[in-house]
Every structure is written in structure tokens, then in C-alpha cells.
């Protein structure tokens, strides 16, 4: 029982520090803050972005865009091939762009 309590405290502390973002998001999406995202690692952020897109969570996508708007915190591409695979073509002049697509383009720009 003591080991379980300690593990629970360590997990909560890790989530507050920006680790295990997907777990924190799965438990309570409103608990994930910009401060946590700023400390998050590239893999956690990518998985969190995927989960937020699937859930249609605009708040989380906006937080991720805000995090990536800071040039010091922008997640660098793992490789040129990864950048090419995830590249989104820019919207044409006059083309209607939904909010999720607009955020993805903003993330790509950052």
C-alpha cells in the first residue's frame, strides 16, 4: 500500500512537471496547462497533439499552438524526412480553412 501511494505521488508530480502529458490529458483534459506543455518533450507533445485532434479539443490545440509560437520552445523536426512526411500544403487564396487546419499550419510555420 505504501509503494502504491508513493507511485501515485510520483506520477502526479511527473504530470505536473510536464511529463506523461497524454496520461494527464486522458485523466482530466482541463488539468493540462501551458506551463506543463512548455516543459514537455517532443514525443509527449506529438502524442498529445494527436489525441487532441482526435478528440476535437480546440483548447488543447490552441495551447499547443501557443507553445510552438515561442521560438525558444518550438519542437524541432526529428529529421528532414519527418518534416517532409508531416508537411501540410499551404491554403490557396480564398480557400476555406477550418480551425484545426489553421492551427496545424501555424504549428508548421513555427
Protein backbone atom coordinates (compact mmCIF):
# COMPACT_ATOMS: atom_id res chain seq x y z
CA UNK A 1 0.00 0.00 0.00
CA UNK A 2 2.84 2.39 0.78
CA UNK A 3 4.51 1.67 -2.57
CA UNK A 4 1.23 2.34 -4.37
CA UNK A 5 0.83 5.70 -2.60
CA UNK A 6 4.41 6.67 -3.40
CA UNK A 7 3.95 5.71 -7.06
CA UNK A 8 0.72 7.73 -7.16
CA UNK A 9 2.51 10.79 -5.73
CA UNK A 10 5.43 10.39 -8.16
CA UNK A 11 3.07 10.06 -11.13
CA UNK A 12 1.14 13.17 -10.09
CA UNK A 13 4.39 15.09 -9.64
CA UNK A 14 5.67 13.95 -13.04
CA UNK A 15 2.45 15.05 -14.75
CA UNK A 16 2.64 18.46 -13.07
CA UNK A 17 6.22 18.83 -14.29
CA UNK A 18 5.23 18.23 -17.91
CA UNK A 19 5.93 14.52 -18.25
CA UNK A 20 3.26 11.96 -19.14
CA UNK A 21 1.17 14.64 -20.80
CA UNK A 22 -1.05 12.11 -22.57
CA UNK A 23 -1.81 10.38 -19.29
CA UNK A 24 -2.67 13.70 -17.66
CA UNK A 25 -4.82 14.61 -20.68
CA UNK A 26 -6.59 11.26 -20.54
CA UNK A 27 -7.37 11.61 -16.84
CA UNK A 28 -8.50 15.24 -16.95
CA UNK A 29 -8.09 17.31 -20.14
CA UNK A 30 -8.59 20.58 -18.27
CA UNK A 31 -5.63 19.82 -15.97
CA UNK A 32 -3.04 20.27 -18.74
CA UNK A 33 -1.66 23.82 -18.66
CA UNK A 34 0.64 25.86 -20.88
CA UNK A 35 3.31 25.65 -18.17
CA UNK A 36 3.19 21.85 -18.40
CA UNK A 37 3.37 21.98 -22.20
CA UNK A 38 6.43 24.24 -22.09
CA UNK A 39 8.27 21.56 -20.12
CA UNK A 40 7.04 18.67 -22.27
CA UNK A 41 9.24 16.61 -24.56
CA UNK A 42 8.78 16.25 -28.32
CA UNK A 43 7.32 12.73 -28.19
CA UNK A 44 4.80 13.63 -25.48
CA UNK A 45 3.76 16.75 -27.38
CA UNK A 46 3.28 14.86 -30.64
CA UNK A 47 1.17 12.19 -28.95
CA UNK A 48 -0.83 14.85 -27.11
CA UNK A 49 -1.47 16.75 -30.36
CA UNK A 50 -2.73 13.55 -31.98
CA UNK A 51 -5.04 12.80 -29.04
CA UNK A 52 -6.35 16.38 -29.02
CA UNK A 53 -7.03 16.28 -32.77
CA UNK A 54 -8.93 13.00 -32.41
CA UNK A 55 -11.00 14.41 -29.55
CA UNK A 56 -11.56 17.72 -31.37
CA UNK A 57 -10.24 19.61 -28.33
CA UNK A 58 -9.76 23.17 -29.57
CA UNK A 59 -8.48 24.38 -26.19
CA UNK A 60 -5.59 21.92 -26.23
CA UNK A 61 -4.75 22.66 -29.85
CA UNK A 62 -4.63 26.38 -29.02
CA UNK A 63 -2.33 25.69 -26.08
CA UNK A 64 -0.04 23.63 -28.31
CA UNK A 65 -0.04 26.43 -30.89
CA UNK A 66 0.82 28.96 -28.18
CA UNK A 67 3.67 26.76 -27.01
CA UNK A 68 5.01 26.38 -30.51
CA UNK A 69 4.67 30.09 -31.24
CA UNK A 70 7.56 30.75 -28.83
CA UNK A 71 10.71 30.30 -30.97
CA UNK A 72 12.72 29.08 -27.98
CA UNK A 73 10.22 26.28 -27.29
CA UNK A 74 9.30 25.20 -30.82
CA UNK A 75 9.81 21.47 -31.31
CA UNK A 76 12.45 20.90 -33.93
CA UNK A 77 11.87 18.38 -36.67
CA UNK A 78 13.41 14.99 -35.92
CA UNK A 79 14.79 14.77 -39.43
CA UNK A 80 14.28 16.15 -42.91
CA UNK A 81 12.26 13.05 -43.82
CA UNK A 82 9.95 13.56 -40.82
CA UNK A 83 9.48 17.19 -41.81
CA UNK A 84 8.65 16.18 -45.39
CA UNK A 85 6.18 13.50 -44.25
CA UNK A 86 4.29 15.87 -41.95
CA UNK A 87 4.34 18.83 -44.36
CA UNK A 88 0.92 20.40 -44.96
CA UNK A 89 0.44 22.28 -48.24
CA UNK A 90 -0.43 25.93 -47.72
CA UNK A 91 -4.02 27.02 -48.21
CA UNK A 92 -4.82 28.51 -51.60
CA UNK A 93 -6.04 32.09 -51.90
CA UNK A 94 -9.73 32.18 -50.96
CA UNK A 95 -9.80 28.55 -49.79
CA UNK A 96 -11.92 27.95 -46.69
CA UNK A 97 -9.75 26.70 -43.82
CA UNK A 98 -11.25 25.15 -40.71
CA UNK A 99 -9.79 25.91 -37.27
CA UNK A 100 -7.89 22.66 -36.86
CA UNK A 101 -6.21 23.03 -40.25
CA UNK A 102 -5.36 26.65 -39.45
CA UNK A 103 -3.72 25.56 -36.19
CA UNK A 104 -1.77 22.82 -37.97
CA UNK A 105 -0.48 25.39 -40.47
CA UNK A 106 0.50 27.69 -37.57
CA UNK A 107 2.36 24.82 -35.91
CA UNK A 108 4.13 24.03 -39.15
CA UNK A 109 5.17 27.66 -39.53
CA UNK A 110 6.63 27.71 -36.01
